[in-house]
N, C-alpha and C. Protein backbone atom coordinates (compact mmCIF):
# COMPACT_ATOMS: atom_id res chain seq x y z
N UNK A 1 4.16 -10.30 -14.64
CA UNK A 1 3.77 -9.41 -14.19
C UNK A 1 4.38 -8.80 -13.44
N UNK A 2 4.54 -7.36 -13.17
CA UNK A 2 5.18 -6.93 -12.13
C UNK A 2 4.51 -7.15 -10.61
N UNK A 3 5.31 -7.61 -9.64
CA UNK A 3 4.79 -7.87 -8.35
C UNK A 3 3.73 -6.85 -7.85
N UNK A 4 4.14 -5.72 -8.21
CA UNK A 4 3.09 -4.49 -7.76
C UNK A 4 1.59 -4.54 -8.02
N UNK A 5 1.60 -5.65 -8.91
CA UNK A 5 0.30 -5.92 -10.05
C UNK A 5 -0.23 -6.81 -9.24
N UNK A 6 0.67 -8.25 -9.50
CA UNK A 6 -0.16 -9.37 -9.15
C UNK A 6 0.05 -9.92 -7.50
N UNK A 7 0.68 -9.46 -6.71
CA UNK A 7 0.91 -9.68 -5.56
C UNK A 7 -0.05 -8.56 -4.57
N UNK A 8 -1.17 -7.62 -4.89
CA UNK A 8 -1.39 -7.00 -4.23
C UNK A 8 -2.64 -7.58 -3.45
N UNK A 9 -2.48 -6.75 -2.68
CA UNK A 9 -3.68 -7.61 -1.25
C UNK A 9 -5.01 -7.04 -1.60
N UNK A 10 -5.08 -5.38 -1.71
CA UNK A 10 -6.29 -4.61 -1.70
C UNK A 10 -6.54 -3.94 -2.87
N UNK A 11 -7.93 -4.49 -3.15
CA UNK A 11 -8.54 -4.21 -4.71
C UNK A 11 -8.49 -2.56 -4.64
N UNK A 12 -7.69 -1.83 -5.74
CA UNK A 12 -7.46 -0.68 -5.87
C UNK A 12 -7.94 0.03 -7.62
N UNK A 13 -8.11 1.38 -7.53
CA UNK A 13 -8.03 1.96 -8.63
C UNK A 13 -6.35 1.69 -9.39
N UNK A 14 -6.34 1.83 -10.65
CA UNK A 14 -5.22 1.80 -11.41
C UNK A 14 -4.88 3.37 -12.28
N UNK A 15 -3.70 3.97 -12.14
CA UNK A 15 -3.27 4.96 -12.43
C UNK A 15 -1.95 5.10 -13.33
N UNK A 16 -1.81 6.22 -13.80
CA UNK A 16 -0.15 6.33 -14.16
C UNK A 16 0.49 7.83 -13.23
N UNK A 17 1.97 7.54 -12.96
CA UNK A 17 2.40 8.82 -12.80
C UNK A 17 3.15 9.10 -14.11
N UNK A 18 2.68 10.33 -14.33
CA UNK A 18 3.89 10.97 -15.42
C UNK A 18 4.73 12.08 -15.04
N UNK A 19 5.76 11.95 -15.16
CA UNK A 19 6.95 12.79 -14.40
C UNK A 19 7.67 13.50 -15.74
N UNK A 20 8.12 14.65 -15.87
CA UNK A 20 8.96 15.30 -16.66
C UNK A 20 10.04 16.12 -16.62
N UNK A 21 11.22 15.97 -16.91
CA UNK A 21 12.50 16.89 -16.38
C UNK A 21 12.94 16.96 -17.82
N UNK A 22 12.83 18.14 -18.01
CA UNK A 22 13.50 18.76 -19.69
C UNK A 22 12.85 18.05 -20.50
N UNK A 23 13.81 17.47 -21.54
CA UNK A 23 13.15 16.32 -22.22
C UNK A 23 12.58 14.94 -22.60
N UNK A 24 13.06 14.98 -20.94
CA UNK A 24 12.80 13.24 -20.26
C UNK A 24 11.83 13.24 -20.13
N UNK A 25 11.11 12.06 -20.30
CA UNK A 25 9.55 12.34 -19.68
C UNK A 25 9.36 10.39 -19.27
N UNK A 26 8.36 10.15 -18.18
CA UNK A 26 8.10 8.74 -17.86
C UNK A 26 6.73 8.64 -17.33
N UNK A 27 6.13 7.38 -17.72
CA UNK A 27 4.98 7.05 -17.20
C UNK A 27 5.49 5.71 -16.56
N UNK A 28 4.67 5.48 -15.50
CA UNK A 28 4.67 4.37 -14.47
C UNK A 28 3.29 4.11 -13.70
N UNK A 29 3.10 2.74 -13.92
CA UNK A 29 1.74 2.30 -13.67
C UNK A 29 1.54 2.13 -12.16
N UNK A 30 0.72 2.78 -11.13
CA UNK A 30 0.38 2.69 -9.53
C UNK A 30 -0.56 2.50 -9.36
N UNK A 31 -0.80 1.88 -8.42
CA UNK A 31 -1.91 1.34 -7.33
C UNK A 31 -2.16 2.06 -6.13
N UNK A 32 -1.38 2.62 -5.55
CA UNK A 32 -1.28 2.95 -4.44
C UNK A 32 -1.24 4.76 -4.04
N UNK A 33 -2.13 5.27 -4.43
CA UNK A 33 -2.61 6.68 -4.55
C UNK A 33 -3.63 7.12 -3.95
N UNK A 34 -4.00 8.02 -3.24
CA UNK A 34 -5.33 8.63 -2.92
C UNK A 34 -5.56 9.96 -2.94
N UNK A 35 -6.62 11.05 -2.57
CA UNK A 35 -6.84 11.92 -2.37
C UNK A 35 -6.39 12.07 -0.81
N UNK A 36 -5.87 13.31 -0.43
CA UNK A 36 -5.39 13.77 1.07
C UNK A 36 -6.62 14.13 1.37
N UNK A 37 -6.94 15.48 1.15
CA UNK A 37 -7.85 16.31 1.15
C UNK A 37 -8.75 17.07 0.36
N UNK A 38 -9.64 17.46 0.82
CA UNK A 38 -10.35 18.45 -0.62
C UNK A 38 -9.90 19.96 -0.21
N UNK A 39 -9.66 20.34 0.83
CA UNK A 39 -9.17 21.68 1.69
C UNK A 39 -7.83 21.37 2.16
N UNK A 40 -6.93 21.88 1.90
CA UNK A 40 -6.46 22.63 0.72
C UNK A 40 -6.42 20.83 -0.36
N UNK A 41 -7.00 20.79 -1.49
CA UNK A 41 -6.76 20.22 -2.52
C UNK A 41 -5.43 19.31 -2.53
N UNK A 42 -5.31 17.70 -2.29
CA UNK A 42 -4.01 17.26 -2.14
C UNK A 42 -4.22 15.95 -2.32
N UNK A 43 -3.30 15.24 -2.78
CA UNK A 43 -3.13 13.71 -2.99
C UNK A 43 -1.36 13.09 -2.61
N UNK A 44 -1.65 12.17 -2.62
CA UNK A 44 -0.26 11.34 -2.25
C UNK A 44 -0.01 10.07 -3.40
N UNK A 45 1.01 9.77 -3.42
CA UNK A 45 1.24 8.55 -4.30
C UNK A 45 2.53 7.61 -3.77
N UNK A 46 2.30 6.30 -4.02
CA UNK A 46 4.04 5.81 -3.53
C UNK A 46 4.65 5.52 -4.66
N UNK A 47 5.97 5.78 -4.34
CA UNK A 47 6.68 5.19 -5.31
C UNK A 47 8.04 4.22 -5.22
N UNK A 48 8.30 3.46 -5.21
CA UNK A 48 9.77 2.44 -5.18
C UNK A 48 10.50 3.20 -5.09
N UNK A 49 11.66 3.41 -4.59
CA UNK A 49 12.72 4.01 -4.60
C UNK A 49 14.00 3.89 -5.39
N UNK A 50 13.78 2.25 -6.35
CA UNK A 50 14.53 2.05 -7.02
C UNK A 50 13.99 2.13 -8.19
N UNK A 51 13.31 2.88 -8.79
CA UNK A 51 12.52 3.26 -10.17
C UNK A 51 13.49 4.51 -10.83
N UNK A 52 13.07 4.33 -12.48
CA UNK A 52 13.34 5.52 -12.75
C UNK A 52 12.21 6.90 -12.60
N UNK A 53 11.13 6.61 -12.18
CA UNK A 53 10.19 7.49 -11.88
C UNK A 53 10.46 8.49 -10.70
N UNK A 54 10.94 7.32 -9.78
CA UNK A 54 11.67 8.20 -8.04
C UNK A 54 12.71 8.71 -8.68
N UNK A 55 13.41 8.38 -9.57
CA UNK A 55 14.72 9.63 -9.73
C UNK A 55 14.44 10.47 -10.38
N UNK A 56 13.66 10.42 -11.46
CA UNK A 56 13.12 11.63 -11.86
C UNK A 56 12.16 12.67 -10.69
N UNK A 57 11.66 12.08 -10.28
CA UNK A 57 10.68 12.74 -9.06
C UNK A 57 11.64 13.67 -8.06
N UNK A 58 13.18 13.18 -7.91
CA UNK A 58 14.06 13.49 -7.13
C UNK A 58 14.47 15.50 -7.92
N UNK A 59 14.61 14.79 -9.18
CA UNK A 59 14.80 16.18 -9.91
C UNK A 59 13.86 17.19 -10.46
N UNK A 60 12.57 16.78 -9.62
CA UNK A 60 11.84 17.76 -9.85
C UNK A 60 10.48 18.02 -8.91
N UNK A 61 9.93 19.38 -9.09
CA UNK A 61 8.86 19.44 -7.81
C UNK A 61 7.22 19.13 -8.71
N UNK A 62 7.60 18.88 -9.65
CA UNK A 62 6.00 18.43 -10.42
C UNK A 62 5.72 17.07 -10.79
N UNK A 63 4.23 16.43 -10.58
CA UNK A 63 3.85 15.31 -11.13
C UNK A 63 2.89 15.18 -11.71
N UNK A 64 2.22 14.27 -12.75
CA UNK A 64 0.80 13.81 -12.94
C UNK A 64 0.49 12.69 -12.48
N UNK A 65 -0.51 12.69 -12.00
CA UNK A 65 -1.47 11.73 -11.56
C UNK A 65 -2.86 11.14 -12.73
N UNK A 66 -2.69 10.17 -13.36
CA UNK A 66 -3.78 10.02 -14.21
C UNK A 66 -4.99 8.73 -13.71
N UNK A 67 -5.82 9.27 -13.59
CA UNK A 67 -6.83 7.92 -13.32
C UNK A 67 -7.62 7.04 -14.60
N UNK A 68 -6.84 5.89 -14.91
CA UNK A 68 -7.35 5.13 -16.03
C UNK A 68 -8.50 4.71 -15.78
N UNK A 69 -9.16 4.72 -17.31
CA UNK A 69 -10.33 3.72 -17.26
C UNK A 69 -10.50 2.12 -17.48
N UNK A 70 -11.55 1.56 -17.49
CA UNK A 70 -11.51 0.38 -17.76
C UNK A 70 -10.81 -0.24 -19.21
N UNK A 71 -11.49 0.70 -20.18
CA UNK A 71 -10.65 0.40 -21.32
C UNK A 71 -9.11 0.31 -21.75
N UNK A 72 -8.49 0.87 -20.60
CA UNK A 72 -7.18 1.36 -20.68
C UNK A 72 -5.98 0.27 -19.99
N UNK A 73 -6.68 -0.96 -20.17
CA UNK A 73 -5.63 -2.11 -19.50
C UNK A 73 -4.14 -2.29 -20.23
N UNK A 74 -4.46 -2.10 -21.27
CA UNK A 74 -3.00 -2.45 -22.12
C UNK A 74 -2.11 -1.42 -21.33
N UNK A 75 -2.50 0.00 -21.57
CA UNK A 75 -1.59 0.87 -21.22
C UNK A 75 -1.53 0.60 -19.52
N UNK A 76 -1.86 0.41 -18.84
CA UNK A 76 -1.51 0.09 -17.17
C UNK A 76 -0.51 -1.05 -17.61
N UNK A 77 -0.54 -2.12 -18.10
CA UNK A 77 0.35 -3.68 -18.08
C UNK A 77 1.51 -3.01 -19.02
N UNK A 78 1.85 -2.37 -19.68
CA UNK A 78 3.22 -1.71 -20.79
C UNK A 78 3.77 -1.05 -19.63
N UNK A 79 2.88 0.23 -18.97
CA UNK A 79 3.69 1.24 -18.05
C UNK A 79 4.08 0.36 -16.88
N UNK A 80 3.53 -0.83 -16.81
CA UNK A 80 4.11 -1.25 -14.94
C UNK A 80 4.96 -2.43 -15.45
N UNK A 81 5.58 -2.91 -16.44
CA UNK A 81 6.04 -4.03 -16.86
C UNK A 81 7.36 -3.60 -17.60
N UNK A 82 7.62 -2.35 -18.08
CA UNK A 82 8.98 -2.26 -18.80
C UNK A 82 9.49 -0.67 -18.44
N UNK A 83 10.49 -0.56 -17.88
CA UNK A 83 11.11 0.51 -17.36
C UNK A 83 11.56 1.74 -18.23
N UNK A 84 11.46 2.63 -17.90
CA UNK A 84 11.53 4.12 -18.65
C UNK A 84 12.85 4.04 -19.06
N UNK A 85 13.87 3.49 -18.27
CA UNK A 85 15.21 3.56 -18.37
C UNK A 85 15.76 2.77 -19.60
N UNK A 86 14.83 2.19 -19.99
CA UNK A 86 14.77 0.87 -21.35
C UNK A 86 13.99 1.30 -22.62
N UNK A 87 12.91 2.33 -22.17
CA UNK A 87 11.92 2.74 -23.42
C UNK A 87 11.42 3.83 -22.75
N UNK A 88 11.14 4.58 -23.68
CA UNK A 88 10.18 6.05 -23.82
C UNK A 88 8.86 5.73 -23.64
N UNK A 89 8.55 5.47 -22.40
CA UNK A 89 6.67 4.94 -22.87
C UNK A 89 5.90 5.99 -23.12
N UNK A 90 6.13 7.29 -22.58
CA UNK A 90 5.67 8.11 -22.94
C UNK A 90 5.29 8.35 -24.75
N UNK A 91 6.20 8.21 -25.36
CA UNK A 91 6.47 8.20 -26.73
C UNK A 91 5.25 7.28 -27.58
N UNK A 92 4.91 6.33 -26.91
CA UNK A 92 3.49 5.34 -27.17
C UNK A 92 1.86 5.86 -26.76
N UNK A 93 2.17 6.84 -25.90
CA UNK A 93 1.28 7.73 -25.29
C UNK A 93 0.84 8.61 -25.96
N UNK A 94 -0.84 9.05 -25.59
CA UNK A 94 -1.39 10.22 -26.47
C UNK A 94 -1.46 11.09 -24.93
N UNK A 95 -0.29 11.72 -24.94
CA UNK A 95 0.14 12.36 -23.90
C UNK A 95 0.39 13.79 -24.67
N UNK A 96 -0.08 14.70 -23.93
CA UNK A 96 -0.08 16.20 -24.11
C UNK A 96 0.57 17.24 -23.11
N UNK A 97 1.32 18.16 -23.46
CA UNK A 97 1.37 19.11 -22.20
C UNK A 97 0.17 20.12 -22.08
N UNK A 98 -0.76 20.17 -21.10
CA UNK A 98 -1.31 21.19 -20.68
C UNK A 98 -0.78 22.67 -20.71
N UNK A 99 -1.31 23.56 -20.47
CA UNK A 99 -1.33 25.18 -20.60
C UNK A 99 -0.40 25.04 -19.11
N UNK A 100 -0.12 24.67 -18.42
CA UNK A 100 0.89 24.72 -17.50
C UNK A 100 1.79 24.06 -17.36
N UNK A 101 1.92 23.53 -18.33
CA UNK A 101 3.18 22.42 -18.65
C UNK A 101 2.90 20.95 -17.93
N UNK A 102 1.94 20.74 -17.47
CA UNK A 102 1.82 18.97 -16.85
C UNK A 102 1.56 18.16 -17.82
N UNK A 103 2.23 16.92 -17.84
CA UNK A 103 1.64 15.87 -19.17
C UNK A 103 0.41 15.36 -18.68
N UNK A 104 -0.82 15.53 -19.62
CA UNK A 104 -1.90 14.33 -19.42
C UNK A 104 -1.87 13.84 -20.39
N UNK A 105 -3.10 12.93 -20.30
CA UNK A 105 -3.15 11.78 -20.89
C UNK A 105 -4.77 11.78 -21.67
N UNK A 106 -4.76 11.90 -22.82
CA UNK A 106 -5.84 11.94 -23.71
C UNK A 106 -6.82 10.51 -23.35
N UNK A 107 -8.15 10.55 -22.83
CA UNK A 107 -8.89 9.31 -22.92
C UNK A 107 -8.93 9.14 -21.33
N UNK A 108 -8.24 9.57 -20.87
CA UNK A 108 -8.41 9.07 -19.39
C UNK A 108 -9.79 9.67 -18.31
N UNK A 109 -9.89 8.76 -17.30
CA UNK A 109 -10.99 9.48 -16.30
C UNK A 109 -10.39 11.14 -16.07
N UNK A 110 -9.28 10.99 -15.53
CA UNK A 110 -8.41 12.13 -14.90
C UNK A 110 -7.69 12.59 -14.88
N UNK A 111 -7.06 13.67 -15.24
CA UNK A 111 -5.37 13.77 -15.41
C UNK A 111 -5.17 14.98 -14.37
N UNK A 112 -4.30 14.99 -13.39
CA UNK A 112 -4.22 15.70 -12.40
C UNK A 112 -2.98 16.18 -12.24
N UNK A 113 -2.47 17.32 -12.55
CA UNK A 113 -1.15 17.90 -11.99
C UNK A 113 -0.99 18.67 -10.86
N UNK A 114 0.52 18.13 -10.09
CA UNK A 114 0.57 18.28 -8.75
C UNK A 114 1.97 18.69 -8.45
N UNK A 115 2.08 19.92 -7.50
CA UNK A 115 3.18 19.69 -7.24
C UNK A 115 3.65 19.51 -5.84
N UNK A 116 4.62 18.65 -5.49
CA UNK A 116 5.31 18.16 -4.43
C UNK A 116 5.41 19.10 -3.19
N UNK A 117 4.42 19.04 -2.17
CA UNK A 117 4.50 19.31 -0.75
C UNK A 117 5.61 18.81 0.02
N UNK A 118 5.48 17.60 -0.17
CA UNK A 118 5.92 16.95 1.19
C UNK A 118 6.39 15.16 0.44
N UNK A 119 7.47 14.92 1.19
CA UNK A 119 8.19 13.67 0.59
C UNK A 119 8.59 12.63 2.09
N UNK A 120 7.73 11.50 1.93
CA UNK A 120 8.02 10.60 3.30
C UNK A 120 8.59 9.57 3.08
N UNK A 121 9.71 8.93 3.70
CA UNK A 121 10.08 7.46 3.07
C UNK A 121 9.39 6.84 4.00
N UNK A 122 9.11 5.46 3.34
CA UNK A 122 8.48 4.88 4.23
C UNK A 122 8.97 3.35 3.81
N UNK A 123 10.20 2.86 4.30
CA UNK A 123 10.71 1.73 3.88
C UNK A 123 11.27 1.84 2.58
N UNK A 124 11.30 1.05 1.86
CA UNK A 124 11.58 1.11 0.29
C UNK A 124 11.00 2.01 -0.48
N UNK A 125 10.10 2.61 0.04
CA UNK A 125 9.22 3.85 -0.97
C UNK A 125 9.09 5.26 -0.53
N UNK A 126 8.92 6.14 -1.37
CA UNK A 126 8.64 7.25 -1.00
C UNK A 126 7.20 7.56 -1.33
N UNK A 127 6.88 8.33 -0.05
CA UNK A 127 5.35 8.97 -0.51
C UNK A 127 5.31 10.45 -0.93
N UNK A 128 5.31 10.44 -1.75
CA UNK A 128 5.08 11.94 -2.65
C UNK A 128 3.24 12.61 -2.52
N UNK A 129 3.64 13.57 -1.36
CA UNK A 129 2.28 14.27 -1.18
C UNK A 129 2.77 15.62 -1.92
N UNK A 130 1.26 15.70 -3.12
CA UNK A 130 1.01 16.80 -3.59
C UNK A 130 -0.16 17.59 -3.67
N UNK A 131 0.18 19.22 -3.61
CA UNK A 131 -1.08 19.77 -3.84
C UNK A 131 -1.67 19.44 -5.38
N UNK A 132 -2.65 19.44 -5.54
CA UNK A 132 -3.18 19.57 -6.81
C UNK A 132 -3.35 20.83 -7.60
N UNK A 133 -2.44 21.25 -8.36
CA UNK A 133 -2.85 22.36 -8.77
C UNK A 133 -3.62 22.53 -10.17
N UNK A 134 -4.00 21.69 -10.42
CA UNK A 134 -4.86 21.37 -12.07
C UNK A 134 -5.47 19.90 -12.55
N UNK A 135 -6.74 20.19 -12.71
CA UNK A 135 -7.42 18.97 -13.24
C UNK A 135 -8.25 18.85 -14.54
N UNK A 136 -7.96 18.10 -15.21
CA UNK A 136 -9.18 17.64 -16.44
C UNK A 136 -9.57 16.45 -16.17
N UNK A 137 -11.26 16.68 -16.27
CA UNK A 137 -12.25 15.69 -15.98
C UNK A 137 -12.38 15.24 -17.52
N UNK A 138 -12.61 13.84 -18.06
CA UNK A 138 -12.96 13.47 -19.01
C UNK A 138 -14.73 13.39 -19.25
N UNK A 139 -15.24 14.11 -19.38
CA UNK A 139 -17.05 13.99 -18.87
C UNK A 139 -17.46 12.85 -20.20
N UNK A 140 -16.66 12.76 -21.40
CA UNK A 140 -17.76 12.14 -22.14
C UNK A 140 -17.15 10.30 -21.82
N UNK A 141 -15.94 10.34 -21.04
CA UNK A 141 -15.83 9.06 -20.36
C UNK A 141 -16.73 8.53 -19.23
N UNK A 142 -18.04 9.32 -18.63
CA UNK A 142 -18.18 9.21 -17.59
C UNK A 142 -19.11 7.79 -17.83
N UNK A 143 -19.41 7.52 -18.90
CA UNK A 143 -20.07 6.14 -18.51
C UNK A 143 -19.09 5.00 -18.05
N UNK A 144 -18.03 5.09 -18.15
CA UNK A 144 -16.97 4.38 -17.60
C UNK A 144 -16.50 4.42 -16.34
N UNK A 145 -15.97 3.08 -15.86
CA UNK A 145 -15.88 3.19 -14.54
C UNK A 145 -13.85 3.05 -14.35
N UNK A 146 -13.43 3.15 -13.42
CA UNK A 146 -11.94 3.14 -13.03
C UNK A 146 -11.48 1.88 -13.51
N UNK A 147 -10.24 1.71 -14.11
CA UNK A 147 -9.48 0.73 -14.19
C UNK A 147 -9.20 0.21 -12.70
N UNK A 148 -9.05 -1.48 -12.48
CA UNK A 148 -9.02 -1.60 -11.02
C UNK A 148 -8.14 -2.82 -11.29
N UNK A 149 -7.12 -3.12 -10.26
CA UNK A 149 -6.28 -3.99 -10.18
C UNK A 149 -6.85 -5.47 -10.62
N UNK A 150 -7.92 -6.09 -10.36
CA UNK A 150 -8.73 -7.16 -10.66
C UNK A 150 -8.88 -7.16 -12.17
N UNK A 151 -8.87 -6.00 -12.75
CA UNK A 151 -9.00 -6.33 -14.50
C UNK A 151 -7.80 -6.45 -15.01
N UNK A 152 -6.58 -6.13 -14.48
CA UNK A 152 -5.03 -6.45 -14.85
C UNK A 152 -4.96 -8.28 -14.84
N UNK A 153 -5.74 -8.71 -13.86
CA UNK A 153 -5.31 -10.27 -14.03
C UNK A 153 -5.58 -11.02 -15.35
N UNK A 154 -5.15 -12.26 -15.37
CA UNK A 154 -5.00 -13.11 -17.03
C UNK A 154 -6.44 -13.03 -17.32
């Protein structure tokens, strides 16, 4: 299990960051993200600088934040334990390009397309602050709650 999952000290929701550069895409499990503001709509996500996702984000100004639901535990574990340098994780996911070109995940509680506004280095991580450009909510999944870090334990 990734130390980012097993050694977390704060309970939080679990999601995915999806990044696409040309024909290369990647999905990475994240638990450090939040909305920055409602007006203008923006959010932040923390990405370790030694990851494949970070190297892709250095090449593009767009990413998607996917909020997983409680039935998507295996997606979170797989995308949080296998490197995108080794395996195309998006190939195993039910992802699609929306009309604006953002990668979204079918069945997630929310898929949000963002354009990077600011990058802030914090130790060995970078906080990517993104303007929310587009969001799709899965209203049929409204009876489900967000996947939490505690759901990923043994």
